[in-house]
Amino acid sequence: MVSTEATFQALANQTRLEILKLLGRAGESSVYSSIIALTLGIRPSVASHHLVKLTEAGLVLRKKSGNHIFYTLNPRYFYPGEKDLRFELEIPLKEG
C-alpha cells in the first residue's frame, strides 16, 4: 500500500500535475511516455522521472509494450473523461 505522504508528495509538483491533467484529457486511452514529454515540452528523462514518482504513488498505471511504455490514470483514484479531473483519496484516521 502506498503511503499518504508519498501520494501528496507526488501531487506537490507542477510538472506532475500537468502530466495528470494530460492523462485526464486522454480519458481511458493510454499515452506513450515520449508523447507526454513532447506535449509538455520537457526532456524524455524528466518526464520519465516524474512518471516514476506518479507510478510509485499509485496515481498512474504503466503498461509496457515492446520498447514503449504507456501510462493511464489509475481509475481507483481518478474519474477520467469529465470536464475537470477529480481525485479521490481515502486517508485512514488514527484513533487516539
Protein backbone atom coordinates (compact mmCIF):
# COMPACT_ATOMS: atom_id res chain seq x y z
CA MET A 1 0.00 0.00 0.00
CA VAL A 2 1.25 3.46 -0.90
CA SER A 3 1.64 5.94 1.93
CA THR A 4 -0.49 9.05 2.04
CA GLU A 5 2.69 11.10 2.35
CA ALA A 6 4.07 9.66 -0.92
CA THR A 7 0.80 10.47 -2.67
CA PHE A 8 0.81 14.09 -1.51
CA GLN A 9 4.49 14.48 -2.37
CA ALA A 10 3.72 13.27 -5.89
CA LEU A 11 0.88 15.78 -6.17
CA ALA A 12 3.01 18.66 -4.85
CA ASN A 13 4.86 19.18 -8.14
CA GLN A 14 3.58 21.32 -11.01
CA THR A 15 5.01 19.10 -13.75
CA ARG A 16 3.37 16.04 -12.24
CA LEU A 17 0.06 17.87 -12.05
CA GLU A 18 0.42 18.75 -15.75
CA ILE A 19 1.07 15.08 -16.52
CA LEU A 20 -2.06 14.10 -14.58
CA LYS A 21 -4.11 16.68 -16.49
CA LEU A 22 -2.75 15.39 -19.79
CA LEU A 23 -3.64 11.81 -18.85
CA GLY A 24 -7.05 13.01 -17.70
CA ARG A 25 -7.71 14.56 -21.12
CA ALA A 26 -6.79 11.22 -22.70
CA GLY A 27 -9.63 9.57 -20.79
CA GLU A 28 -9.28 5.80 -20.75
CA SER A 29 -6.70 5.85 -23.54
CA SER A 30 -3.09 5.27 -22.60
CA VAL A 31 -0.39 7.78 -23.55
CA TYR A 32 3.13 6.95 -24.71
CA SER A 33 5.79 8.47 -22.43
CA SER A 34 7.53 10.29 -25.31
CA ILE A 35 4.24 11.96 -26.27
CA ILE A 36 3.90 13.18 -22.68
CA ALA A 37 7.40 14.71 -22.85
CA LEU A 38 6.78 16.27 -26.26
CA THR A 39 3.39 17.70 -25.30
CA LEU A 40 4.73 19.26 -22.10
CA GLY A 41 7.95 20.48 -23.70
CA ILE A 42 10.23 18.57 -21.33
CA ARG A 43 13.05 16.12 -21.92
CA PRO A 44 12.05 12.44 -22.00
CA SER A 45 14.31 11.76 -19.00
CA VAL A 46 12.47 14.44 -16.99
CA ALA A 47 9.10 13.00 -17.98
CA SER A 48 10.33 9.54 -17.01
CA HIS A 49 11.44 10.76 -13.58
CA HIS A 50 8.04 12.30 -12.87
CA LEU A 51 6.15 9.30 -14.26
CA VAL A 52 8.11 7.01 -11.93
CA LYS A 53 7.08 9.16 -8.95
CA LEU A 54 3.43 9.13 -10.05
CA THR A 55 3.54 5.37 -10.59
CA GLU A 56 5.18 4.75 -7.20
CA ALA A 57 2.44 6.84 -5.61
CA GLY A 58 -0.16 4.67 -7.33
CA LEU A 59 -1.66 7.61 -9.21
CA VAL A 60 -0.88 6.30 -12.68
CA LEU A 61 -0.63 2.84 -14.19
CA ARG A 62 2.05 1.83 -16.67
CA LYS A 63 1.95 -0.79 -19.36
CA LYS A 64 4.97 -1.87 -21.36
CA SER A 65 4.53 -2.87 -24.98
CA GLY A 66 7.82 -3.79 -26.65
CA ASN A 67 10.18 -0.86 -26.10
CA HIS A 68 7.35 1.56 -25.37
CA ILE A 69 5.77 2.42 -22.03
CA PHE A 70 2.21 3.72 -21.92
CA TYR A 71 0.53 5.46 -18.98
CA THR A 72 -3.05 5.93 -17.82
CA LEU A 73 -4.65 7.39 -14.73
CA ASN A 74 -5.35 4.86 -12.02
CA PRO A 75 -9.15 4.54 -12.10
CA ARG A 76 -9.10 3.72 -8.39
CA TYR A 77 -8.41 7.40 -7.67
CA PHE A 78 -9.43 9.36 -10.75
CA TYR A 79 -12.51 9.81 -12.86
CA PRO A 80 -11.13 10.48 -16.36
CA GLY A 81 -13.16 11.92 -19.19
CA GLU A 82 -15.00 14.54 -17.15
CA LYS A 83 -14.57 18.28 -17.64
CA ASP A 84 -12.43 18.54 -14.52
CA LEU A 85 -10.02 15.94 -13.20
CA ARG A 86 -11.48 14.71 -9.93
CA PHE A 87 -9.36 12.87 -7.39
CA GLU A 88 -10.47 10.70 -4.52
CA LEU A 89 -8.13 9.53 -1.78
CA GLU A 90 -9.01 7.57 1.31
CA ILE A 91 -6.98 8.73 4.27
CA PRO A 92 -7.19 6.50 7.34
CA LEU A 93 -7.56 8.45 10.56
CA LYS A 94 -5.58 7.37 13.55
CA GLU A 95 -7.60 6.86 16.67
CA GLY A 96 -6.32 8.13 19.87
